[in-house]
Amino acid sequence: MQTDEMRQAMSTLKAFSEKERAYHQYQARQNYLRQQQSIQNYLDTLRAETERARVEMEQARAAEEQARAAEARERAEKEAALAEIERLKALLRN
């Protein structure tokens, strides 16, 4: 078993074995990188959705504030108009 041919055959088998091991390590690393990229993409998507929801909430809040301000202006204008009517009625009575 200690012939040159056997040593060469064992050396060739060892090289194949090391190449196969290196290949499996490479594949494992690639799978790990793909998983990490998928996780990162998912997190990026969640962040984008969260930011979009935050912007929408801020826009809705701003629109609500504008509506309240418009309502308050209308109410103030109506009260001013009623006060003016009352003032004019009082002038007419005198």
PDB file of N, CA and C in Angstrom:
ATOM      1  N   MET A   1       0.822  -1.206   0.000  1.00  0.00           N
ATOM      2  CA  MET A   1       0.000   0.000   0.000  1.00  0.00           C
ATOM      3  C   MET A   1       0.856   1.255   0.000  1.00  0.00           C
ATOM      4  N   GLN A   2       2.149   1.127   0.140  1.00  0.00           N
ATOM      5  CA  GLN A   2       3.017   2.290   0.176  1.00  0.00           C
ATOM      6  C   GLN A   2       3.754   2.481  -1.145  1.00  0.00           C
ATOM      7  N   THR A   3       3.094   2.153  -2.213  1.00  0.00           N
ATOM      8  CA  THR A   3       3.710   2.344  -3.530  1.00  0.00           C
ATOM      9  C   THR A   3       3.475   3.777  -3.997  1.00  0.00           C
ATOM     10  N   ASP A   4       4.233   4.164  -5.007  1.00  0.00           N
ATOM     11  CA  ASP A   4       4.085   5.514  -5.564  1.00  0.00           C
ATOM     12  C   ASP A   4       2.686   5.717  -6.155  1.00  0.00           C
ATOM     13  N   GLU A   5       2.159   4.669  -6.785  1.00  0.00           N
ATOM     14  CA  GLU A   5       0.828   4.771  -7.387  1.00  0.00           C
ATOM     15  C   GLU A   5      -0.239   4.991  -6.318  1.00  0.00           C
ATOM     16  N   MET A   6      -0.100   4.270  -5.211  1.00  0.00           N
ATOM     17  CA  MET A   6      -1.078   4.410  -4.119  1.00  0.00           C
ATOM     18  C   MET A   6      -0.962   5.792  -3.491  1.00  0.00           C
ATOM     19  N   ARG A   7       0.257   6.275  -3.311  1.00  0.00           N
ATOM     20  CA  ARG A   7       0.425   7.619  -2.755  1.00  0.00           C
ATOM     21  C   ARG A   7      -0.191   8.664  -3.682  1.00  0.00           C
ATOM     22  N   GLN A   8       0.028   8.483  -4.966  1.00  0.00           N
ATOM     23  CA  GLN A   8      -0.544   9.425  -5.928  1.00  0.00           C
ATOM     24  C   GLN A   8      -2.072   9.342  -5.914  1.00  0.00           C
ATOM     25  N   ALA A   9      -2.605   8.136  -5.855  1.00  0.00           N
ATOM     26  CA  ALA A   9      -4.060   7.963  -5.806  1.00  0.00           C
ATOM     27  C   ALA A   9      -4.624   8.583  -4.538  1.00  0.00           C
ATOM     28  N   MET A  10      -3.970   8.379  -3.425  1.00  0.00           N
ATOM     29  CA  MET A  10      -4.435   8.953  -2.156  1.00  0.00           C
ATOM     30  C   MET A  10      -4.337  10.479  -2.197  1.00  0.00           C
ATOM     31  N   SER A  11      -3.282  10.967  -2.808  1.00  0.00           N
ATOM     32  CA  SER A  11      -3.123  12.417  -2.942  1.00  0.00           C
ATOM     33  C   SER A  11      -4.243  13.003  -3.805  1.00  0.00           C
ATOM     34  N   THR A  12      -4.570  12.328  -4.875  1.00  0.00           N
ATOM     35  CA  THR A  12      -5.663  12.774  -5.757  1.00  0.00           C
ATOM     36  C   THR A  12      -6.994  12.736  -5.011  1.00  0.00           C
ATOM     37  N   LEU A  13      -7.261  11.675  -4.281  1.00  0.00           N
ATOM     38  CA  LEU A  13      -8.502  11.586  -3.501  1.00  0.00           C
ATOM     39  C   LEU A  13      -8.568  12.686  -2.451  1.00  0.00           C
ATOM     40  N   LYS A  14      -7.428  12.938  -1.806  1.00  0.00           N
ATOM     41  CA  LYS A  14      -7.380  13.998  -0.793  1.00  0.00           C
ATOM     42  C   LYS A  14      -7.676  15.354  -1.426  1.00  0.00           C
ATOM     43  N   ALA A  15      -7.102  15.603  -2.594  1.00  0.00           N
ATOM     44  CA  ALA A  15      -7.346  16.876  -3.297  1.00  0.00           C
ATOM     45  C   ALA A  15      -8.822  17.015  -3.650  1.00  0.00           C
ATOM     46  N   PHE A  16      -9.423  15.927  -4.174  1.00  0.00           N
ATOM     47  CA  PHE A  16     -10.859  15.968  -4.486  1.00  0.00           C
ATOM     48  C   PHE A  16     -11.679  16.232  -3.237  1.00  0.00           C
ATOM     49  N   SER A  17     -11.291  15.567  -2.152  1.00  0.00           N
ATOM     50  CA  SER A  17     -12.015  15.733  -0.896  1.00  0.00           C
ATOM     51  C   SER A  17     -11.923  17.177  -0.417  1.00  0.00           C
ATOM     52  N   GLU A  18     -10.730  17.765  -0.500  1.00  0.00           N
ATOM     53  CA  GLU A  18     -10.562  19.155  -0.080  1.00  0.00           C
ATOM     54  C   GLU A  18     -11.350  20.101  -0.975  1.00  0.00           C
ATOM     55  N   LYS A  19     -11.360  19.821  -2.283  1.00  0.00           N
ATOM     56  CA  LYS A  19     -12.131  20.654  -3.210  1.00  0.00           C
ATOM     57  C   LYS A  19     -13.620  20.562  -2.887  1.00  0.00           C
ATOM     58  N   GLU A  20     -14.085  19.360  -2.591  1.00  0.00           N
ATOM     59  CA  GLU A  20     -15.501  19.182  -2.258  1.00  0.00           C
ATOM     60  C   GLU A  20     -15.842  19.916  -0.964  1.00  0.00           C
ATOM     61  N   ARG A  21     -14.964  19.823   0.011  1.00  0.00           N
ATOM     62  CA  ARG A  21     -15.168  20.523   1.275  1.00  0.00           C
ATOM     63  C   ARG A  21     -15.200  22.042   1.041  1.00  0.00           C
ATOM     64  N   ALA A  22     -14.254  22.516   0.228  1.00  0.00           N
ATOM     65  CA  ALA A  22     -14.210  23.950  -0.098  1.00  0.00           C
ATOM     66  C   ALA A  22     -15.483  24.361  -0.837  1.00  0.00           C
ATOM     67  N   TYR A  23     -15.951  23.501  -1.732  1.00  0.00           N
ATOM     68  CA  TYR A  23     -17.187  23.783  -2.461  1.00  0.00           C
ATOM     69  C   TYR A  23     -18.365  23.884  -1.492  1.00  0.00           C
ATOM     70  N   HIS A  24     -18.462  22.966  -0.558  1.00  0.00           N
ATOM     71  CA  HIS A  24     -19.564  23.000   0.406  1.00  0.00           C
ATOM     72  C   HIS A  24     -19.465  24.233   1.308  1.00  0.00           C
ATOM     73  N   GLN A  25     -18.249  24.598   1.675  1.00  0.00           N
ATOM     74  CA  GLN A  25     -18.078  25.826   2.461  1.00  0.00           C
ATOM     75  C   GLN A  25     -18.531  27.040   1.652  1.00  0.00           C
ATOM     76  N   TYR A  26     -18.166  27.061   0.386  1.00  0.00           N
ATOM     77  CA  TYR A  26     -18.568  28.154  -0.492  1.00  0.00           C
ATOM     78  C   TYR A  26     -20.096  28.213  -0.591  1.00  0.00           C
ATOM     79  N   GLN A  27     -20.713  27.072  -0.805  1.00  0.00           N
ATOM     80  CA  GLN A  27     -22.175  27.031  -0.911  1.00  0.00           C
ATOM     81  C   GLN A  27     -22.844  27.481   0.384  1.00  0.00           C
ATOM     82  N   ALA A  28     -22.305  27.059   1.507  1.00  0.00           N
ATOM     83  CA  ALA A  28     -22.866  27.464   2.800  1.00  0.00           C
ATOM     84  C   ALA A  28     -22.746  28.980   2.960  1.00  0.00           C
ATOM     85  N   ARG A  29     -21.615  29.524   2.580  1.00  0.00           N
ATOM     86  CA  ARG A  29     -21.417  30.976   2.670  1.00  0.00           C
ATOM     87  C   ARG A  29     -22.389  31.710   1.750  1.00  0.00           C
ATOM     88  N   GLN A  30     -22.567  31.210   0.551  1.00  0.00           N
ATOM     89  CA  GLN A  30     -23.505  31.843  -0.384  1.00  0.00           C
ATOM     90  C   GLN A  30     -24.935  31.787   0.164  1.00  0.00           C
ATOM     91  N   ASN A  31     -25.317  30.662   0.732  1.00  0.00           N
ATOM     92  CA  ASN A  31     -26.649  30.547   1.325  1.00  0.00           C
ATOM     93  C   ASN A  31     -26.819  31.532   2.474  1.00  0.00           C
ATOM     94  N   TYR A  32     -25.784  31.649   3.309  1.00  0.00           N
ATOM     95  CA  TYR A  32     -25.822  32.605   4.413  1.00  0.00           C
ATOM     96  C   TYR A  32     -25.988  34.034   3.891  1.00  0.00           C
ATOM     97  N   LEU A  33     -25.208  34.386   2.872  1.00  0.00           N
ATOM     98  CA  LEU A  33     -25.305  35.738   2.304  1.00  0.00           C
ATOM     99  C   LEU A  33     -26.684  35.993   1.696  1.00  0.00           C
ATOM    100  N   ARG A  34     -27.251  34.989   1.049  1.00  0.00           N
ATOM    101  CA  ARG A  34     -28.604  35.140   0.479  1.00  0.00           C
ATOM    102  C   ARG A  34     -29.629  35.352   1.591  1.00  0.00           C
ATOM    103  N   GLN A  35     -29.503  34.594   2.661  1.00  0.00           N
ATOM    104  CA  GLN A  35     -30.418  34.768   3.795  1.00  0.00           C
ATOM    105  C   GLN A  35     -30.288  36.165   4.385  1.00  0.00           C
ATOM    106  N   GLN A  36     -29.065  36.619   4.579  1.00  0.00           N
ATOM    107  CA  GLN A  36     -28.850  37.946   5.151  1.00  0.00           C
ATOM    108  C   GLN A  36     -29.419  39.031   4.235  1.00  0.00           C
ATOM    109  N   GLN A  37     -29.241  38.861   2.926  1.00  0.00           N
ATOM    110  CA  GLN A  37     -29.783  39.838   1.984  1.00  0.00           C
ATOM    111  C   GLN A  37     -31.307  39.834   2.016  1.00  0.00           C
ATOM    112  N   SER A  38     -31.906  38.659   2.131  1.00  0.00           N
ATOM    113  CA  SER A  38     -33.366  38.578   2.234  1.00  0.00           C
ATOM    114  C   SER A  38     -33.867  39.267   3.494  1.00  0.00           C
ATOM    115  N   ILE A  39     -33.181  39.036   4.596  1.00  0.00           N
ATOM    116  CA  ILE A  39     -33.561  39.677   5.858  1.00  0.00           C
ATOM    117  C   ILE A  39     -33.424  41.184   5.740  1.00  0.00           C
ATOM    118  N   GLN A  40     -32.317  41.643   5.140  1.00  0.00           N
ATOM    119  CA  GLN A  40     -32.103  43.082   4.979  1.00  0.00           C
ATOM    120  C   GLN A  40     -33.178  43.693   4.078  1.00  0.00           C
ATOM    121  N   ASN A  41     -33.523  42.999   2.996  1.00  0.00           N
ATOM    122  CA  ASN A  41     -34.582  43.495   2.105  1.00  0.00           C
ATOM    123  C   ASN A  41     -35.909  43.595   2.847  1.00  0.00           C
ATOM    124  N   TYR A  42     -36.207  42.593   3.667  1.00  0.00           N
ATOM    125  CA  TYR A  42     -37.444  42.600   4.444  1.00  0.00           C
ATOM    126  C   TYR A  42     -37.456  43.774   5.417  1.00  0.00           C
ATOM    127  N   LEU A  43     -36.331  43.989   6.115  1.00  0.00           N
ATOM    128  CA  LEU A  43     -36.254  45.112   7.050  1.00  0.00           C
ATOM    129  C   LEU A  43     -36.381  46.446   6.324  1.00  0.00           C
ATOM    130  N   ASP A  44     -35.749  46.562   5.161  1.00  0.00           N
ATOM    131  CA  ASP A  44     -35.856  47.794   4.386  1.00  0.00           C
ATOM    132  C   ASP A  44     -37.301  48.048   3.959  1.00  0.00           C
ATOM    133  N   THR A  45     -37.988  46.983   3.571  1.00  0.00           N
ATOM    134  CA  THR A  45     -39.394  47.109   3.183  1.00  0.00           C
ATOM    135  C   THR A  45     -40.237  47.556   4.374  1.00  0.00           C
ATOM    136  N   LEU A  46     -40.000  46.951   5.537  1.00  0.00           N
ATOM    137  CA  LEU A  46     -40.741  47.348   6.738  1.00  0.00           C
ATOM    138  C   LEU A  46     -40.472  48.797   7.101  1.00  0.00           C
ATOM    139  N   ARG A  47     -39.200  49.215   7.013  1.00  0.00           N
ATOM    140  CA  ARG A  47     -38.865  50.611   7.314  1.00  0.00           C
ATOM    141  C   ARG A  47     -39.580  51.554   6.352  1.00  0.00           C
ATOM    142  N   ALA A  48     -39.584  51.211   5.073  1.00  0.00           N
ATOM    143  CA  ALA A  48     -40.234  52.056   4.070  1.00  0.00           C
ATOM    144  C   ALA A  48     -41.736  52.138   4.333  1.00  0.00           C
ATOM    145  N   GLU A  49     -42.348  51.007   4.655  1.00  0.00           N
ATOM    146  CA  GLU A  49     -43.785  51.008   4.948  1.00  0.00           C
ATOM    147  C   GLU A  49     -44.090  51.828   6.196  1.00  0.00           C
ATOM    148  N   THR A  50     -43.229  51.703   7.206  1.00  0.00           N
ATOM    149  CA  THR A  50     -43.414  52.469   8.438  1.00  0.00           C
ATOM    150  C   THR A  50     -43.289  53.959   8.157  1.00  0.00           C
ATOM    151  N   GLU A  51     -42.302  54.334   7.388  1.00  0.00           N
ATOM    152  CA  GLU A  51     -42.107  55.746   7.037  1.00  0.00           C
ATOM    153  C   GLU A  51     -43.290  56.270   6.222  1.00  0.00           C
ATOM    154  N   ARG A  52     -43.765  55.462   5.286  1.00  0.00           N
ATOM    155  CA  ARG A  52     -44.914  55.854   4.468  1.00  0.00           C
ATOM    156  C   ARG A  52     -46.153  56.044   5.362  1.00  0.00           C
ATOM    157  N   ALA A  53     -46.352  55.146   6.310  1.00  0.00           N
ATOM    158  CA  ALA A  53     -47.494  55.257   7.228  1.00  0.00           C
ATOM    159  C   ALA A  53     -47.355  56.498   8.102  1.00  0.00           C
ATOM    160  N   ARG A  54     -46.125  56.786   8.562  1.00  0.00           N
ATOM    161  CA  ARG A  54     -45.897  57.978   9.384  1.00  0.00           C
ATOM    162  C   ARG A  54     -46.207  59.247   8.594  1.00  0.00           C
ATOM    163  N   VAL A  55     -45.768  59.293   7.346  1.00  0.00           N
ATOM    164  CA  VAL A  55     -46.034  60.464   6.499  1.00  0.00           C
ATOM    165  C   VAL A  55     -47.532  60.612   6.273  1.00  0.00           C
ATOM    166  N   GLU A  56     -48.203  59.505   6.006  1.00  0.00           N
ATOM    167  CA  GLU A  56     -49.658  59.559   5.794  1.00  0.00           C
ATOM    168  C   GLU A  56     -50.367  60.054   7.047  1.00  0.00           C
ATOM    169  N   MET A  57     -49.924  59.593   8.224  1.00  0.00           N
ATOM    170  CA  MET A  57     -50.548  60.043   9.475  1.00  0.00           C
ATOM    171  C   MET A  57     -50.314  61.533   9.681  1.00  0.00           C
ATOM    172  N   GLU A  58     -49.103  61.993   9.383  1.00  0.00           N
ATOM    173  CA  GLU A  58     -48.819  63.423   9.522  1.00  0.00           C
ATOM    174  C   GLU A  58     -49.673  64.241   8.561  1.00  0.00           C
ATOM    175  N   GLN A  59     -49.836  63.749   7.341  1.00  0.00           N
ATOM    176  CA  GLN A  59     -50.671  64.452   6.363  1.00  0.00           C
ATOM    177  C   GLN A  59     -52.125  64.477   6.817  1.00  0.00           C
ATOM    178  N   ALA A  60     -52.596  63.358   7.344  1.00  0.00           N
ATOM    179  CA  ALA A  60     -53.974  63.306   7.832  1.00  0.00           C
ATOM    180  C   ALA A  60     -54.151  64.257   9.010  1.00  0.00           C
ATOM    181  N   ARG A  61     -53.172  64.284   9.903  1.00  0.00           N
ATOM    182  CA  ARG A  61     -53.225  65.181  11.049  1.00  0.00           C
ATOM    183  C   ARG A  61     -53.223  66.645  10.592  1.00  0.00           C
ATOM    184  N   ALA A  62     -52.402  66.968   9.611  1.00  0.00           N
ATOM    185  CA  ALA A  62     -52.346  68.335   9.084  1.00  0.00           C
ATOM    186  C   ALA A  62     -53.664  68.705   8.421  1.00  0.00           C
ATOM    187  N   ALA A  63     -54.244  67.777   7.674  1.00  0.00           N
ATOM    188  CA  ALA A  63     -55.525  68.043   7.023  1.00  0.00           C
ATOM    189  C   ALA A  63     -56.619  68.248   8.067  1.00  0.00           C
ATOM    190  N   GLU A  64     -56.574  67.453   9.130  1.00  0.00           N
ATOM    191  CA  GLU A  64     -57.550  67.584  10.215  1.00  0.00           C
ATOM    192  C   GLU A  64     -57.409  68.952  10.893  1.00  0.00           C
ATOM    193  N   GLU A  65     -56.180  69.372  11.125  1.00  0.00           N
ATOM    194  CA  GLU A  65     -55.954  70.690  11.735  1.00  0.00           C
ATOM    195  C   GLU A  65     -56.445  71.805  10.825  1.00  0.00           C
ATOM    196  N   GLN A  66     -56.211  71.670   9.544  1.00  0.00           N
ATOM    197  CA  GLN A  66     -56.697  72.671   8.590  1.00  0.00           C
ATOM    198  C   GLN A  66     -58.216  72.721   8.597  1.00  0.00           C
ATOM    199  N   ALA A  67     -58.843  71.559   8.647  1.00  0.00           N
ATOM    200  CA  ALA A  67     -60.309  71.512   8.670  1.00  0.00           C
ATOM    201  C   ALA A  67     -60.833  72.178   9.940  1.00  0.00           C
ATOM    202  N   ARG A  68     -60.186  71.904  11.077  1.00  0.00           N
ATOM    203  CA  ARG A  68     -60.605  72.545  12.323  1.00  0.00           C
ATOM    204  C   ARG A  68     -60.416  74.053  12.254  1.00  0.00           C
ATOM    205  N   ALA A  69     -59.292  74.491  11.685  1.00  0.00           N
ATOM    206  CA  ALA A  69     -59.034  75.930  11.567  1.00  0.00           C
ATOM    207  C   ALA A  69     -60.064  76.580  10.652  1.00  0.00           C
ATOM    208  N   ALA A  70     -60.413  75.926   9.561  1.00  0.00           N
ATOM    209  CA  ALA A  70     -61.421  76.456   8.645  1.00  0.00           C
ATOM    210  C   ALA A  70     -62.776  76.528   9.340  1.00  0.00           C
ATOM    211  N   GLU A  71     -63.091  75.499  10.109  1.00  0.00           N
ATOM    212  CA  GLU A  71     -64.356  75.478  10.856  1.00  0.00           C
ATOM    213  C   GLU A  71     -64.388  76.616  11.878  1.00  0.00           C
ATOM    214  N   ALA A  72     -63.271  76.835  12.558  1.00  0.00           N
ATOM    215  CA  ALA A  72     -63.200  77.919  13.540  1.00  0.00           C
ATOM    216  C   ALA A  72     -63.347  79.271  12.851  1.00  0.00           C
ATOM    217  N   ARG A  73     -62.728  79.432  11.687  1.00  0.00           N
ATOM    218  CA  ARG A  73     -62.875  80.689  10.936  1.00  0.00           C
ATOM    219  C   ARG A  73     -64.327  80.913  10.530  1.00  0.00           C
ATOM    220  N   GLU A  74     -64.954  79.868  10.032  1.00  0.00           N
ATOM    221  CA  GLU A  74     -66.364  79.980   9.626  1.00  0.00           C
ATOM    222  C   GLU A  74     -67.234  80.368  10.819  1.00  0.00           C
ATOM    223  N   ARG A  75     -66.976  79.708  11.948  1.00  0.00           N
ATOM    224  CA  ARG A  75     -67.737  80.017  13.154  1.00  0.00           C
ATOM    225  C   ARG A  75     -67.523  81.480  13.564  1.00  0.00           C
ATOM    226  N   ALA A  76     -66.270  81.939  13.509  1.00  0.00           N
ATOM    227  CA  ALA A  76     -65.968  83.321  13.881  1.00  0.00           C
ATOM    228  C   ALA A  76     -66.639  84.292  12.904  1.00  0.00           C
ATOM    229  N   GLU A  77     -66.595  83.973  11.630  1.00  0.00           N
ATOM    230  CA  GLU A  77     -67.244  84.828  10.628  1.00  0.00           C
ATOM    231  C   GLU A  77     -68.754  84.872  10.848  1.00  0.00           C
ATOM    232  N   LYS A  78     -69.328  83.726  11.155  1.00  0.00           N
ATOM    233  CA  LYS A  78     -70.764  83.665  11.401  1.00  0.00           C
ATOM    234  C   LYS A  78     -71.133  84.492  12.635  1.00  0.00           C
ATOM    235  N   GLU A  79     -70.337  84.351  13.700  1.00  0.00           N
ATOM    236  CA  GLU A  79     -70.590  85.134  14.915  1.00  0.00           C
ATOM    237  C   GLU A  79     -70.427  86.629  14.644  1.00  0.00           C
ATOM    238  N   ALA A  80     -69.422  86.991  13.836  1.00  0.00           N
ATOM    239  CA  ALA A  80     -69.219  88.401  13.492  1.00  0.00           C
ATOM    240  C   ALA A  80     -70.393  88.917  12.671  1.00  0.00           C
ATOM    241  N   ALA A  81     -70.888  88.085  11.756  1.00  0.00           N
ATOM    242  CA  ALA A  81     -72.032  88.489  10.934  1.00  0.00           C
ATOM    243  C   ALA A  81     -73.271  88.656  11.812  1.00  0.00           C
ATOM    244  N   LEU A  82     -73.500  87.737  12.750  1.00  0.00           N
ATOM    245  CA  LEU A  82     -74.647  87.848  13.644  1.00  0.00           C
ATOM    246  C   LEU A  82     -74.524  89.083  14.538  1.00  0.00           C
ATOM    247  N   ALA A  83     -73.320  89.350  14.987  1.00  0.00           N
ATOM    248  CA  ALA A  83     -73.114  90.544  15.815  1.00  0.00           C
ATOM    249  C   ALA A  83     -73.377  91.802  14.996  1.00  0.00           C
ATOM    250  N   GLU A  84     -72.984  91.808  13.757  1.00  0.00           N
ATOM    251  CA  GLU A  84     -73.230  92.963  12.885  1.00  0.00           C
ATOM    252  C   GLU A  84     -74.726  93.130  12.643  1.00  0.00           C
ATOM    253  N   ILE A  85     -75.413  92.022  12.459  1.00  0.00           N
ATOM    254  CA  ILE A  85     -76.878  92.094  12.269  1.00  0.00           C
ATOM    255  C   ILE A  85     -77.526  92.681  13.507  1.00  0.00           C
ATOM    256  N   GLU A  86     -77.098  92.214  14.666  1.00  0.00           N
ATOM    257  CA  GLU A  86     -77.659  92.733  15.913  1.00  0.00           C
ATOM    258  C   GLU A  86     -77.350  94.220  16.073  1.00  0.00           C
ATOM    259  N   ARG A  87     -76.162  94.627  15.697  1.00  0.00           N
ATOM    260  CA  ARG A  87     -75.789  96.038  15.782  1.00  0.00           C
ATOM    261  C   ARG A  87     -76.671  96.876  14.855  1.00  0.00           C
ATOM    262  N   LEU A  88     -76.884  96.382  13.651  1.00  0.00           N
ATOM    263  CA  LEU A  88     -77.716  97.117  12.685  1.00  0.00           C
ATOM    264  C   LEU A  88     -79.168  97.151  13.159  1.00  0.00           C
ATOM    265  N   LYS A  89     -79.665  96.057  13.729  1.00  0.00           N
ATOM    266  CA  LYS A  89     -81.032  96.060  14.272  1.00  0.00           C
ATOM    267  C   LYS A  89     -81.172  97.112  15.376  1.00  0.00           C
ATOM    268  N   ALA A  90     -80.154  97.180  16.228  1.00  0.00           N
ATOM    269  CA  ALA A  90     -80.179  98.144  17.319  1.00  0.00           C
ATOM    270  C   ALA A  90     -80.181  99.575  16.767  1.00  0.00           C
ATOM    271  N   LEU A  91     -79.440  99.819  15.705  1.00  0.00           N
ATOM    272  CA  LEU A  91     -79.438 101.139  15.094  1.00  0.00           C
ATOM    273  C   LEU A  91     -80.790 101.484  14.490  1.00  0.00           C
ATOM    274  N   LEU A  92     -81.409 100.465  13.906  1.00  0.00           N
ATOM    275  CA  LEU A  92     -82.733 100.701  13.299  1.00  0.00           C
ATOM    276  C   LEU A  92     -83.784 100.986  14.370  1.00  0.00           C
ATOM    277  N   ARG A  93     -83.674 100.341  15.519  1.00  0.00           N
ATOM    278  CA  ARG A  93     -84.638 100.578  16.595  1.00  0.00           C
ATOM    279  C   ARG A  93     -84.501 101.997  17.142  1.00  0.00           C
ATOM    280  N   ASN A  94     -83.324 102.502  17.121  1.00  0.00           N
ATOM    281  CA  ASN A  94     -83.102 103.856  17.672  1.00  0.00           C
ATOM    282  C   ASN A  94     -83.455 104.827  16.633  1.00  0.00           C
TER     283      ASN A  94
END
